N, C-alpha and C. Protein backbone atom coordinates (compact mmCIF):
# COMPACT_ATOMS: atom_id res chain seq x y z
N MET A 1 9.96 6.89 -21.62
CA MET A 1 10.16 7.85 -20.54
C MET A 1 9.40 7.40 -19.29
N PHE A 2 10.03 7.64 -18.15
CA PHE A 2 9.40 7.27 -16.89
C PHE A 2 9.47 8.45 -15.92
N LEU A 3 8.48 8.52 -15.04
CA LEU A 3 8.42 9.56 -14.01
C LEU A 3 8.29 8.92 -12.64
N LEU A 4 8.95 9.52 -11.66
CA LEU A 4 8.76 9.14 -10.26
C LEU A 4 7.80 10.16 -9.66
N ILE A 5 6.60 9.70 -9.34
CA ILE A 5 5.56 10.60 -8.82
C ILE A 5 5.39 10.38 -7.32
N ASN A 6 5.29 11.48 -6.58
CA ASN A 6 4.98 11.43 -5.15
C ASN A 6 3.46 11.64 -5.02
N LYS A 7 2.74 10.53 -4.98
CA LYS A 7 1.27 10.59 -4.94
C LYS A 7 0.78 11.08 -3.59
N SER A 8 -0.22 11.94 -3.62
CA SER A 8 -0.83 12.41 -2.37
C SER A 8 -1.98 11.51 -1.98
N THR A 9 -2.46 11.63 -0.76
CA THR A 9 -3.61 10.85 -0.31
C THR A 9 -4.89 11.42 -0.92
N GLY A 10 -5.92 10.59 -0.94
CA GLY A 10 -7.22 11.05 -1.41
C GLY A 10 -7.48 10.88 -2.89
N ILE A 11 -6.47 10.47 -3.64
CA ILE A 11 -6.67 10.22 -5.07
C ILE A 11 -6.22 8.80 -5.39
N THR A 12 -6.78 8.23 -6.45
CA THR A 12 -6.39 6.89 -6.87
C THR A 12 -5.16 6.97 -7.77
N SER A 13 -4.54 5.81 -7.98
CA SER A 13 -3.42 5.77 -8.91
C SER A 13 -3.88 6.11 -10.32
N HIS A 14 -5.12 5.75 -10.65
CA HIS A 14 -5.66 6.08 -11.97
C HIS A 14 -5.89 7.59 -12.11
N ASP A 15 -6.23 8.24 -11.00
CA ASP A 15 -6.37 9.71 -11.03
C ASP A 15 -5.05 10.36 -11.43
N VAL A 16 -3.95 9.78 -10.97
CA VAL A 16 -2.62 10.29 -11.33
C VAL A 16 -2.42 10.19 -12.84
N ILE A 17 -2.79 9.02 -13.39
CA ILE A 17 -2.66 8.81 -14.83
C ILE A 17 -3.50 9.83 -15.60
N THR A 18 -4.72 10.05 -15.16
CA THR A 18 -5.62 11.00 -15.82
C THR A 18 -5.02 12.41 -15.84
N GLN A 19 -4.47 12.83 -14.70
CA GLN A 19 -3.87 14.16 -14.64
C GLN A 19 -2.64 14.27 -15.53
N LEU A 20 -1.84 13.19 -15.58
CA LEU A 20 -0.64 13.20 -16.41
C LEU A 20 -0.99 13.22 -17.90
N ARG A 21 -2.11 12.61 -18.27
CA ARG A 21 -2.54 12.68 -19.67
C ARG A 21 -2.84 14.11 -20.06
N ARG A 22 -3.45 14.86 -19.16
CA ARG A 22 -3.75 16.27 -19.43
C ARG A 22 -2.45 17.08 -19.54
N ILE A 23 -1.51 16.81 -18.63
CA ILE A 23 -0.26 17.58 -18.58
C ILE A 23 0.61 17.29 -19.79
N THR A 24 0.74 16.01 -20.16
CA THR A 24 1.67 15.61 -21.22
C THR A 24 1.05 15.62 -22.62
N GLY A 25 -0.28 15.46 -22.67
CA GLY A 25 -0.94 15.33 -23.96
C GLY A 25 -0.78 13.94 -24.55
N ILE A 26 -0.28 13.01 -23.75
CA ILE A 26 -0.05 11.62 -24.19
C ILE A 26 -1.08 10.71 -23.52
N LYS A 27 -1.75 9.89 -24.34
CA LYS A 27 -2.80 9.03 -23.80
C LYS A 27 -2.25 7.73 -23.21
N LYS A 28 -1.22 7.19 -23.82
CA LYS A 28 -0.69 5.89 -23.39
C LYS A 28 0.22 6.08 -22.18
N ILE A 29 -0.34 5.93 -20.99
CA ILE A 29 0.41 6.08 -19.74
C ILE A 29 -0.01 4.96 -18.78
N GLY A 30 0.95 4.39 -18.08
CA GLY A 30 0.66 3.34 -17.11
C GLY A 30 1.50 3.51 -15.87
N HIS A 31 1.14 2.76 -14.82
CA HIS A 31 1.92 2.84 -13.58
C HIS A 31 2.33 1.44 -13.11
N ALA A 32 3.36 1.39 -12.29
CA ALA A 32 3.90 0.12 -11.80
C ALA A 32 3.54 -0.05 -10.33
N GLY A 33 2.33 -0.57 -10.06
CA GLY A 33 1.97 -0.86 -8.67
C GLY A 33 1.01 0.14 -8.08
N THR A 34 -0.23 -0.28 -7.86
CA THR A 34 -1.28 0.59 -7.36
C THR A 34 -1.05 1.03 -5.92
N LEU A 35 -1.40 2.28 -5.64
CA LEU A 35 -1.49 2.78 -4.27
C LEU A 35 -2.95 3.13 -4.00
N ASP A 36 -3.51 2.62 -2.91
CA ASP A 36 -4.88 2.95 -2.54
C ASP A 36 -5.01 4.46 -2.30
N PRO A 37 -6.23 5.01 -2.40
CA PRO A 37 -6.43 6.44 -2.11
C PRO A 37 -5.93 6.83 -0.71
N LEU A 38 -6.03 5.92 0.25
CA LEU A 38 -5.53 6.18 1.61
C LEU A 38 -4.02 6.39 1.63
N ALA A 39 -3.32 5.72 0.71
CA ALA A 39 -1.86 5.71 0.73
C ALA A 39 -1.27 6.85 -0.10
N ARG A 40 -0.07 7.24 0.27
CA ARG A 40 0.67 8.25 -0.49
C ARG A 40 2.07 7.71 -0.76
N GLY A 41 2.82 8.45 -1.54
CA GLY A 41 4.20 8.06 -1.75
C GLY A 41 4.54 7.72 -3.19
N LEU A 42 5.57 6.89 -3.34
CA LEU A 42 6.21 6.66 -4.63
C LEU A 42 5.36 5.83 -5.60
N LEU A 43 5.19 6.38 -6.80
CA LEU A 43 4.50 5.71 -7.89
C LEU A 43 5.36 5.89 -9.14
N ILE A 44 5.75 4.77 -9.77
CA ILE A 44 6.53 4.84 -11.01
C ILE A 44 5.56 4.84 -12.18
N VAL A 45 5.68 5.83 -13.05
CA VAL A 45 4.75 6.01 -14.17
C VAL A 45 5.51 5.94 -15.49
N ALA A 46 4.95 5.19 -16.44
CA ALA A 46 5.52 5.08 -17.78
C ALA A 46 4.75 5.98 -18.74
N ILE A 47 5.47 6.78 -19.52
CA ILE A 47 4.86 7.72 -20.45
C ILE A 47 5.12 7.26 -21.88
N GLY A 48 4.07 6.99 -22.63
CA GLY A 48 4.21 6.60 -24.03
C GLY A 48 4.17 5.10 -24.23
N ARG A 49 3.85 4.70 -25.46
CA ARG A 49 3.65 3.28 -25.78
C ARG A 49 4.89 2.43 -25.51
N GLU A 50 6.05 2.89 -25.93
CA GLU A 50 7.27 2.11 -25.76
C GLU A 50 7.61 1.89 -24.28
N SER A 51 7.38 2.93 -23.47
CA SER A 51 7.69 2.82 -22.04
C SER A 51 6.69 1.91 -21.32
N THR A 52 5.41 1.99 -21.68
CA THR A 52 4.42 1.14 -21.01
C THR A 52 4.68 -0.34 -21.29
N LYS A 53 5.31 -0.64 -22.42
CA LYS A 53 5.67 -2.03 -22.73
C LYS A 53 6.74 -2.56 -21.76
N LYS A 54 7.49 -1.63 -21.15
CA LYS A 54 8.60 -2.02 -20.26
C LYS A 54 8.25 -1.89 -18.79
N ILE A 55 6.98 -1.58 -18.48
CA ILE A 55 6.58 -1.29 -17.10
C ILE A 55 6.74 -2.48 -16.17
N ASN A 56 6.68 -3.69 -16.75
CA ASN A 56 6.76 -4.90 -15.91
C ASN A 56 8.10 -5.04 -15.20
N GLN A 57 9.12 -4.36 -15.70
CA GLN A 57 10.43 -4.44 -15.04
C GLN A 57 10.40 -3.83 -13.64
N PHE A 58 9.40 -2.99 -13.38
CA PHE A 58 9.30 -2.34 -12.08
C PHE A 58 8.29 -3.02 -11.14
N THR A 59 7.29 -3.69 -11.71
CA THR A 59 6.17 -4.18 -10.89
C THR A 59 6.57 -5.24 -9.88
N LYS A 60 7.59 -6.03 -10.19
CA LYS A 60 7.99 -7.12 -9.29
C LYS A 60 9.10 -6.73 -8.32
N MET A 61 9.50 -5.47 -8.36
CA MET A 61 10.56 -5.02 -7.45
C MET A 61 10.06 -4.98 -6.00
N ASP A 62 10.99 -5.16 -5.07
CA ASP A 62 10.66 -5.05 -3.65
C ASP A 62 10.18 -3.63 -3.33
N LYS A 63 9.40 -3.53 -2.27
CA LYS A 63 8.85 -2.23 -1.86
C LYS A 63 9.24 -1.92 -0.41
N GLU A 64 9.24 -0.63 -0.09
CA GLU A 64 9.44 -0.19 1.30
C GLU A 64 8.32 0.77 1.66
N TYR A 65 7.77 0.59 2.86
CA TYR A 65 6.66 1.42 3.32
C TYR A 65 6.91 1.90 4.74
N ILE A 66 6.30 3.03 5.05
CA ILE A 66 6.16 3.47 6.44
C ILE A 66 4.67 3.40 6.75
N ALA A 67 4.33 2.59 7.74
CA ALA A 67 2.92 2.34 8.05
C ALA A 67 2.59 2.79 9.46
N GLU A 68 1.44 3.43 9.60
CA GLU A 68 0.91 3.80 10.91
C GLU A 68 -0.28 2.90 11.20
N ILE A 69 -0.18 2.16 12.29
CA ILE A 69 -1.19 1.16 12.65
C ILE A 69 -1.88 1.56 13.94
N LYS A 70 -3.19 1.41 13.95
CA LYS A 70 -3.98 1.68 15.15
C LYS A 70 -4.37 0.35 15.77
N LEU A 71 -3.91 0.10 16.99
CA LEU A 71 -4.27 -1.12 17.70
C LEU A 71 -5.51 -0.87 18.56
N GLY A 72 -6.15 -1.96 19.00
CA GLY A 72 -7.32 -1.82 19.86
C GLY A 72 -8.63 -1.71 19.12
N ALA A 73 -8.62 -1.97 17.80
CA ALA A 73 -9.84 -1.91 17.00
C ALA A 73 -9.61 -2.69 15.71
N THR A 74 -10.70 -3.05 15.05
CA THR A 74 -10.61 -3.74 13.76
C THR A 74 -11.41 -2.97 12.71
N SER A 75 -11.17 -3.32 11.45
CA SER A 75 -11.86 -2.67 10.33
C SER A 75 -12.18 -3.72 9.28
N ASP A 76 -13.36 -3.64 8.67
CA ASP A 76 -13.71 -4.64 7.65
C ASP A 76 -12.86 -4.50 6.39
N THR A 77 -12.28 -3.32 6.17
CA THR A 77 -11.39 -3.12 5.02
C THR A 77 -9.92 -3.22 5.43
N TYR A 78 -9.68 -3.44 6.72
CA TYR A 78 -8.33 -3.52 7.30
C TYR A 78 -7.64 -2.16 7.37
N ASP A 79 -8.38 -1.06 7.04
CA ASP A 79 -7.81 0.28 7.15
C ASP A 79 -8.86 1.24 7.70
N ARG A 80 -8.48 2.51 7.90
CA ARG A 80 -9.37 3.48 8.56
C ARG A 80 -10.56 3.88 7.72
N GLU A 81 -10.60 3.49 6.45
CA GLU A 81 -11.71 3.86 5.60
C GLU A 81 -12.89 2.90 5.70
N GLY A 82 -12.71 1.81 6.45
CA GLY A 82 -13.78 0.83 6.60
C GLY A 82 -14.61 1.06 7.84
N LYS A 83 -15.45 0.07 8.16
CA LYS A 83 -16.27 0.13 9.36
C LYS A 83 -15.40 -0.25 10.55
N ILE A 84 -15.22 0.69 11.48
CA ILE A 84 -14.33 0.49 12.62
C ILE A 84 -15.11 -0.08 13.82
N ILE A 85 -14.58 -1.16 14.36
CA ILE A 85 -15.16 -1.75 15.57
C ILE A 85 -14.12 -1.67 16.67
N ARG A 86 -14.37 -0.80 17.64
CA ARG A 86 -13.40 -0.58 18.71
C ARG A 86 -13.59 -1.59 19.83
N LYS A 87 -12.48 -1.95 20.43
CA LYS A 87 -12.49 -2.88 21.57
C LYS A 87 -12.19 -2.08 22.83
N ASP A 88 -13.24 -1.62 23.50
CA ASP A 88 -13.09 -0.69 24.62
C ASP A 88 -12.30 -1.27 25.78
N LYS A 89 -12.29 -2.58 25.91
CA LYS A 89 -11.63 -3.20 27.06
C LYS A 89 -10.21 -3.66 26.75
N SER A 90 -9.70 -3.26 25.60
CA SER A 90 -8.34 -3.66 25.24
C SER A 90 -7.32 -3.07 26.21
N GLN A 91 -6.47 -3.92 26.75
CA GLN A 91 -5.39 -3.47 27.61
C GLN A 91 -4.19 -3.08 26.75
N PRO A 92 -3.46 -2.03 27.13
CA PRO A 92 -2.26 -1.65 26.36
C PRO A 92 -1.29 -2.82 26.22
N VAL A 93 -0.74 -2.97 25.03
CA VAL A 93 0.23 -4.03 24.77
C VAL A 93 1.63 -3.47 24.94
N GLN A 94 2.47 -4.20 25.67
CA GLN A 94 3.83 -3.75 25.94
C GLN A 94 4.70 -3.82 24.67
N LEU A 95 5.68 -2.92 24.60
CA LEU A 95 6.56 -2.83 23.44
C LEU A 95 7.22 -4.17 23.13
N LYS A 96 7.70 -4.87 24.15
CA LYS A 96 8.39 -6.15 23.91
C LYS A 96 7.48 -7.16 23.24
N GLU A 97 6.21 -7.15 23.60
CA GLU A 97 5.26 -8.09 22.99
C GLU A 97 5.01 -7.72 21.53
N VAL A 98 4.96 -6.41 21.25
CA VAL A 98 4.77 -5.96 19.87
C VAL A 98 5.99 -6.37 19.03
N GLU A 99 7.18 -6.15 19.57
CA GLU A 99 8.42 -6.52 18.87
C GLU A 99 8.46 -8.01 18.58
N LYS A 100 8.13 -8.80 19.58
CA LYS A 100 8.16 -10.26 19.43
C LYS A 100 7.16 -10.73 18.39
N THR A 101 5.97 -10.15 18.41
CA THR A 101 4.92 -10.56 17.48
C THR A 101 5.25 -10.12 16.05
N LEU A 102 5.78 -8.92 15.89
CA LEU A 102 6.18 -8.46 14.56
C LEU A 102 7.24 -9.37 13.94
N SER A 103 8.14 -9.88 14.76
CA SER A 103 9.21 -10.75 14.24
C SER A 103 8.67 -12.03 13.63
N THR A 104 7.47 -12.46 14.04
CA THR A 104 6.88 -13.68 13.49
C THR A 104 6.41 -13.50 12.05
N PHE A 105 6.35 -12.25 11.59
CA PHE A 105 5.90 -11.99 10.22
C PHE A 105 7.07 -11.94 9.23
N LEU A 106 8.29 -12.06 9.71
CA LEU A 106 9.45 -12.01 8.82
C LEU A 106 9.58 -13.30 8.01
N GLY A 107 10.04 -13.15 6.76
CA GLY A 107 10.29 -14.31 5.92
C GLY A 107 9.18 -14.59 4.91
N PRO A 108 9.38 -15.63 4.07
CA PRO A 108 8.36 -16.02 3.09
C PRO A 108 7.12 -16.55 3.79
N GLN A 109 5.96 -16.28 3.22
CA GLN A 109 4.71 -16.70 3.86
C GLN A 109 3.53 -16.58 2.90
N LEU A 110 2.41 -17.19 3.29
CA LEU A 110 1.14 -17.00 2.60
C LEU A 110 0.38 -15.92 3.35
N GLN A 111 0.02 -14.87 2.65
CA GLN A 111 -0.73 -13.78 3.28
C GLN A 111 -2.18 -13.81 2.80
N THR A 112 -3.10 -13.66 3.74
CA THR A 112 -4.51 -13.60 3.39
C THR A 112 -4.81 -12.29 2.68
N LEU A 113 -5.48 -12.38 1.54
CA LEU A 113 -5.86 -11.16 0.80
C LEU A 113 -7.00 -10.45 1.51
N PRO A 114 -6.98 -9.13 1.56
CA PRO A 114 -8.11 -8.39 2.14
C PRO A 114 -9.36 -8.62 1.29
N LEU A 115 -10.52 -8.70 1.93
CA LEU A 115 -11.76 -8.85 1.18
C LEU A 115 -11.99 -7.65 0.28
N TYR A 116 -11.60 -6.47 0.75
CA TYR A 116 -11.75 -5.25 -0.05
C TYR A 116 -10.44 -4.98 -0.77
N SER A 117 -10.25 -5.66 -1.91
CA SER A 117 -9.06 -5.43 -2.73
C SER A 117 -9.45 -5.58 -4.19
N ALA A 118 -8.54 -5.20 -5.08
CA ALA A 118 -8.82 -5.25 -6.52
C ALA A 118 -8.52 -6.61 -7.12
N THR A 119 -8.04 -7.56 -6.31
CA THR A 119 -7.80 -8.91 -6.79
C THR A 119 -9.12 -9.53 -7.24
N LYS A 120 -9.07 -10.29 -8.34
CA LYS A 120 -10.30 -10.84 -8.89
C LYS A 120 -10.56 -12.29 -8.45
N ALA A 121 -11.85 -12.62 -8.30
CA ALA A 121 -12.31 -13.97 -8.03
C ALA A 121 -13.54 -14.21 -8.89
N GLY A 122 -13.48 -15.20 -9.77
CA GLY A 122 -14.61 -15.46 -10.65
C GLY A 122 -14.92 -14.32 -11.58
N GLY A 123 -13.88 -13.58 -11.97
CA GLY A 123 -14.07 -12.47 -12.90
C GLY A 123 -14.50 -11.17 -12.27
N LYS A 124 -14.76 -11.18 -10.96
CA LYS A 124 -15.17 -9.98 -10.24
C LYS A 124 -14.08 -9.57 -9.24
N LYS A 125 -13.91 -8.26 -9.05
CA LYS A 125 -12.95 -7.79 -8.06
C LYS A 125 -13.50 -8.06 -6.66
N LEU A 126 -12.61 -8.42 -5.73
CA LEU A 126 -13.05 -8.80 -4.38
C LEU A 126 -13.86 -7.71 -3.71
N TYR A 127 -13.49 -6.45 -3.90
CA TYR A 127 -14.23 -5.38 -3.22
C TYR A 127 -15.65 -5.25 -3.78
N GLN A 128 -15.83 -5.60 -5.07
CA GLN A 128 -17.17 -5.57 -5.65
C GLN A 128 -18.05 -6.66 -5.02
N LEU A 129 -17.47 -7.85 -4.82
CA LEU A 129 -18.21 -8.94 -4.20
C LEU A 129 -18.51 -8.64 -2.74
N ALA A 130 -17.53 -8.04 -2.03
CA ALA A 130 -17.72 -7.72 -0.62
C ALA A 130 -18.83 -6.68 -0.44
N ARG A 131 -18.85 -5.68 -1.31
CA ARG A 131 -19.87 -4.63 -1.22
C ARG A 131 -21.26 -5.17 -1.55
N ALA A 132 -21.30 -6.26 -2.33
CA ALA A 132 -22.59 -6.88 -2.67
C ALA A 132 -22.99 -7.93 -1.62
N ASN A 133 -22.20 -8.00 -0.53
CA ASN A 133 -22.46 -8.94 0.56
C ASN A 133 -22.42 -10.39 0.10
N LYS A 134 -21.59 -10.68 -0.91
CA LYS A 134 -21.42 -12.05 -1.38
C LYS A 134 -20.43 -12.78 -0.46
N THR A 135 -20.74 -14.02 -0.12
CA THR A 135 -19.85 -14.83 0.71
C THR A 135 -18.71 -15.33 -0.16
N ILE A 136 -17.50 -14.92 0.16
CA ILE A 136 -16.36 -15.29 -0.67
C ILE A 136 -15.16 -15.67 0.20
N ASN A 137 -14.28 -16.45 -0.39
CA ASN A 137 -13.00 -16.75 0.24
C ASN A 137 -11.96 -15.92 -0.50
N SER A 138 -11.38 -14.97 0.20
CA SER A 138 -10.48 -14.02 -0.48
C SER A 138 -9.23 -14.69 -1.02
N GLY A 139 -8.80 -15.78 -0.39
CA GLY A 139 -7.63 -16.49 -0.87
C GLY A 139 -6.33 -15.97 -0.26
N PHE A 140 -5.22 -16.50 -0.78
CA PHE A 140 -3.91 -16.18 -0.24
C PHE A 140 -2.96 -15.77 -1.37
N THR A 141 -1.88 -15.11 -1.00
CA THR A 141 -0.84 -14.76 -1.95
C THR A 141 0.53 -15.00 -1.31
N ASN A 142 1.49 -15.45 -2.11
CA ASN A 142 2.84 -15.69 -1.62
C ASN A 142 3.60 -14.37 -1.55
N ILE A 143 4.10 -14.05 -0.36
CA ILE A 143 4.86 -12.82 -0.17
C ILE A 143 6.10 -13.10 0.67
N GLU A 144 6.94 -12.11 0.82
CA GLU A 144 8.07 -12.19 1.75
C GLU A 144 8.28 -10.83 2.40
N ILE A 145 8.28 -10.82 3.72
CA ILE A 145 8.59 -9.61 4.47
C ILE A 145 10.05 -9.71 4.92
N LYS A 146 10.87 -8.78 4.48
CA LYS A 146 12.31 -8.88 4.68
C LYS A 146 12.82 -8.07 5.87
N LYS A 147 12.08 -7.04 6.24
CA LYS A 147 12.49 -6.23 7.38
C LYS A 147 11.29 -5.52 7.98
N ILE A 148 11.21 -5.50 9.30
CA ILE A 148 10.22 -4.69 10.01
C ILE A 148 10.94 -3.97 11.14
N LYS A 149 10.80 -2.67 11.18
CA LYS A 149 11.44 -1.87 12.22
C LYS A 149 10.42 -0.94 12.87
N ILE A 150 10.36 -0.97 14.20
CA ILE A 150 9.46 -0.06 14.90
C ILE A 150 10.09 1.33 14.94
N LEU A 151 9.38 2.32 14.44
CA LEU A 151 9.85 3.70 14.43
C LEU A 151 9.33 4.50 15.62
N LYS A 152 8.11 4.14 16.05
CA LYS A 152 7.49 4.85 17.18
C LYS A 152 6.35 4.00 17.73
N TYR A 153 6.22 3.97 19.05
CA TYR A 153 5.12 3.20 19.63
C TYR A 153 4.65 3.79 20.96
N LYS A 154 3.38 4.05 21.02
CA LYS A 154 2.70 4.38 22.25
C LYS A 154 1.26 3.92 22.07
N PHE A 155 0.90 2.83 22.74
CA PHE A 155 -0.40 2.23 22.53
C PHE A 155 -1.51 3.29 22.58
N PRO A 156 -2.41 3.26 21.58
CA PRO A 156 -2.62 2.25 20.52
C PRO A 156 -1.94 2.56 19.19
N ASP A 157 -1.03 3.54 19.17
CA ASP A 157 -0.44 3.99 17.90
C ASP A 157 0.94 3.37 17.68
N LEU A 158 1.08 2.71 16.54
CA LEU A 158 2.33 2.03 16.18
C LEU A 158 2.76 2.49 14.79
N LYS A 159 4.02 2.89 14.68
CA LYS A 159 4.58 3.31 13.39
C LYS A 159 5.76 2.40 13.05
N ILE A 160 5.71 1.78 11.87
CA ILE A 160 6.75 0.83 11.50
C ILE A 160 7.24 1.08 10.08
N LEU A 161 8.46 0.62 9.82
CA LEU A 161 9.02 0.58 8.48
C LEU A 161 9.00 -0.88 8.02
N VAL A 162 8.52 -1.11 6.81
CA VAL A 162 8.42 -2.48 6.29
C VAL A 162 9.09 -2.56 4.93
N GLN A 163 9.99 -3.54 4.78
CA GLN A 163 10.57 -3.86 3.47
C GLN A 163 10.04 -5.22 3.08
N CYS A 164 9.45 -5.32 1.86
CA CYS A 164 8.74 -6.54 1.50
C CYS A 164 8.74 -6.77 0.00
N SER A 165 8.29 -7.96 -0.39
CA SER A 165 8.18 -8.30 -1.79
C SER A 165 6.98 -7.62 -2.41
N SER A 166 6.97 -7.57 -3.72
CA SER A 166 5.82 -7.06 -4.45
C SER A 166 4.59 -7.92 -4.13
N GLY A 167 3.43 -7.28 -4.05
CA GLY A 167 2.21 -8.03 -3.78
C GLY A 167 1.83 -8.11 -2.32
N THR A 168 2.68 -7.56 -1.44
CA THR A 168 2.38 -7.58 0.00
C THR A 168 1.33 -6.52 0.32
N TYR A 169 0.33 -6.92 1.08
CA TYR A 169 -0.69 -5.98 1.55
C TYR A 169 -0.36 -5.53 2.97
N ILE A 170 -0.01 -4.27 3.13
CA ILE A 170 0.31 -3.76 4.46
C ILE A 170 -0.95 -3.69 5.32
N ARG A 171 -2.11 -3.51 4.67
CA ARG A 171 -3.39 -3.58 5.40
C ARG A 171 -3.56 -4.94 6.08
N SER A 172 -3.23 -6.00 5.35
CA SER A 172 -3.34 -7.34 5.92
C SER A 172 -2.36 -7.53 7.07
N LEU A 173 -1.15 -6.99 6.92
CA LEU A 173 -0.17 -7.07 7.99
C LEU A 173 -0.70 -6.40 9.25
N ALA A 174 -1.29 -5.22 9.10
CA ALA A 174 -1.84 -4.49 10.25
C ALA A 174 -2.95 -5.30 10.92
N HIS A 175 -3.83 -5.85 10.10
CA HIS A 175 -4.94 -6.66 10.63
C HIS A 175 -4.43 -7.91 11.34
N ASP A 176 -3.52 -8.62 10.67
CA ASP A 176 -3.01 -9.88 11.23
C ASP A 176 -2.21 -9.65 12.51
N LEU A 177 -1.48 -8.54 12.57
CA LEU A 177 -0.75 -8.18 13.78
C LEU A 177 -1.73 -7.99 14.94
N GLY A 178 -2.80 -7.24 14.68
CA GLY A 178 -3.80 -7.02 15.71
C GLY A 178 -4.44 -8.30 16.20
N GLN A 179 -4.66 -9.23 15.27
CA GLN A 179 -5.25 -10.52 15.65
C GLN A 179 -4.30 -11.33 16.53
N LYS A 180 -3.03 -11.34 16.16
CA LYS A 180 -2.04 -12.09 16.96
C LYS A 180 -1.86 -11.48 18.35
N LEU A 181 -1.98 -10.17 18.44
CA LEU A 181 -1.83 -9.50 19.74
C LEU A 181 -3.10 -9.62 20.58
N GLY A 182 -4.19 -10.00 19.93
CA GLY A 182 -5.45 -10.19 20.64
C GLY A 182 -6.23 -8.93 20.93
N VAL A 183 -5.82 -7.82 20.29
CA VAL A 183 -6.51 -6.54 20.54
C VAL A 183 -7.13 -5.93 19.28
N GLY A 184 -6.81 -6.52 18.14
CA GLY A 184 -7.26 -5.95 16.88
C GLY A 184 -6.32 -4.87 16.38
N GLY A 185 -6.38 -4.61 15.10
CA GLY A 185 -5.53 -3.57 14.53
C GLY A 185 -5.94 -3.27 13.09
N TYR A 186 -5.71 -2.03 12.67
CA TYR A 186 -5.98 -1.66 11.29
C TYR A 186 -5.00 -0.58 10.86
N LEU A 187 -4.91 -0.40 9.54
CA LEU A 187 -3.97 0.57 8.97
C LEU A 187 -4.55 1.97 9.03
N GLU A 188 -3.82 2.88 9.64
CA GLU A 188 -4.25 4.27 9.78
C GLU A 188 -3.72 5.13 8.63
N ASN A 189 -2.44 4.99 8.31
CA ASN A 189 -1.82 5.75 7.21
C ASN A 189 -0.71 4.91 6.59
N LEU A 190 -0.43 5.16 5.31
CA LEU A 190 0.61 4.41 4.62
C LEU A 190 1.35 5.29 3.63
N LYS A 191 2.67 5.16 3.63
CA LYS A 191 3.50 5.90 2.68
C LYS A 191 4.50 4.92 2.05
N ARG A 192 4.51 4.85 0.72
CA ARG A 192 5.51 4.01 0.04
C ARG A 192 6.75 4.86 -0.21
N THR A 193 7.87 4.40 0.30
CA THR A 193 9.10 5.19 0.25
C THR A 193 10.12 4.68 -0.77
N LYS A 194 10.01 3.39 -1.15
CA LYS A 194 10.95 2.85 -2.14
C LYS A 194 10.29 1.79 -3.00
N ILE A 195 10.73 1.74 -4.27
CA ILE A 195 10.43 0.64 -5.18
C ILE A 195 11.77 0.22 -5.76
N GLY A 196 12.25 -0.96 -5.39
CA GLY A 196 13.61 -1.34 -5.77
C GLY A 196 14.59 -0.32 -5.23
N ASN A 197 15.42 0.23 -6.11
CA ASN A 197 16.39 1.26 -5.69
C ASN A 197 15.86 2.68 -5.91
N PHE A 198 14.63 2.81 -6.37
CA PHE A 198 14.03 4.13 -6.58
C PHE A 198 13.46 4.65 -5.27
N ASP A 199 13.82 5.89 -4.92
CA ASP A 199 13.50 6.46 -3.62
C ASP A 199 12.52 7.62 -3.75
N ILE A 200 11.66 7.75 -2.76
CA ILE A 200 10.67 8.83 -2.73
C ILE A 200 11.33 10.21 -2.79
N GLU A 201 12.57 10.30 -2.30
CA GLU A 201 13.28 11.58 -2.30
C GLU A 201 13.50 12.12 -3.72
N LYS A 202 13.46 11.23 -4.71
CA LYS A 202 13.68 11.64 -6.10
C LYS A 202 12.36 11.92 -6.83
N ALA A 203 11.25 11.72 -6.15
CA ALA A 203 9.93 11.85 -6.79
C ALA A 203 9.44 13.30 -6.75
N ILE A 204 8.49 13.58 -7.63
CA ILE A 204 7.92 14.93 -7.71
C ILE A 204 6.39 14.83 -7.60
N SER A 205 5.79 15.81 -6.96
CA SER A 205 4.34 15.82 -6.81
C SER A 205 3.69 16.39 -8.08
N LEU A 206 2.45 15.98 -8.32
CA LEU A 206 1.76 16.38 -9.54
C LEU A 206 1.60 17.89 -9.67
N ASP A 207 1.40 18.56 -8.53
CA ASP A 207 1.15 20.01 -8.60
C ASP A 207 2.37 20.81 -9.03
N LYS A 208 3.53 20.15 -9.12
CA LYS A 208 4.73 20.84 -9.58
C LYS A 208 5.04 20.58 -11.05
N LEU A 209 4.17 19.77 -11.69
CA LEU A 209 4.38 19.45 -13.10
C LEU A 209 3.44 20.25 -13.99
N ASN A 210 3.92 20.62 -15.15
CA ASN A 210 3.06 21.27 -16.15
C ASN A 210 3.54 20.87 -17.54
N SER A 211 2.83 21.34 -18.55
CA SER A 211 3.13 20.95 -19.93
C SER A 211 4.51 21.38 -20.39
N GLN A 212 5.10 22.36 -19.70
CA GLN A 212 6.40 22.89 -20.10
C GLN A 212 7.58 22.18 -19.44
N ASN A 213 7.37 21.63 -18.22
CA ASN A 213 8.53 21.12 -17.47
C ASN A 213 8.54 19.61 -17.22
N TRP A 214 7.47 18.90 -17.55
CA TRP A 214 7.38 17.50 -17.14
C TRP A 214 8.51 16.62 -17.69
N GLN A 215 8.97 16.93 -18.91
CA GLN A 215 10.03 16.11 -19.53
C GLN A 215 11.37 16.27 -18.81
N GLU A 216 11.53 17.36 -18.08
CA GLU A 216 12.78 17.58 -17.33
C GLU A 216 12.93 16.58 -16.19
N HIS A 217 11.82 15.95 -15.79
CA HIS A 217 11.84 15.04 -14.65
C HIS A 217 11.77 13.57 -15.05
N THR A 218 11.85 13.27 -16.34
CA THR A 218 11.78 11.89 -16.80
C THR A 218 13.17 11.23 -16.79
N PHE A 219 13.14 9.92 -16.86
CA PHE A 219 14.42 9.17 -16.99
C PHE A 219 14.19 8.02 -17.95
């Protein structure tokens, strides 16, 4: 059995699993693709031992996100939860320049991993090493960005839709965009709207599930 969960901000993907264990009474539960506490949106969850064995069929699917990016500042975590360094003298960037720069991110590429991520180096997660002030090279990952569309823009606020391969860090995209524009940038908000052909419109929030109705929403 699988559930499409509409995760809210402020909780981890593991928090979702913990709550579902209480609701379902089933301990063996897993998810296909972590969402940071900052992020909200679609999370595919497998319920039961047999389903968790099949979770990998979802993890490599393409993803779609709606991202809100703040230009004119940088963050050590590449998002609003990190240490923000504002660039007071940043001049507003014109829409055409933003469009042109975003287009350079389309296609297959090597993306720099954020220092604050769950990816491991030497057996330790990168965010653990970063918090310990260890000098590390975060490394790169192969990704593909298939579509970027500007939904709204008024400097310093940029809202975009991104369709990309699994493993893409939208935080890194926000940071790298800011670097290319020369003004800095970080991720303000993030919503995952699709995983493969699964859409957020079909997902349900945790507060609407209980021990009596959760099976009605499985597939």
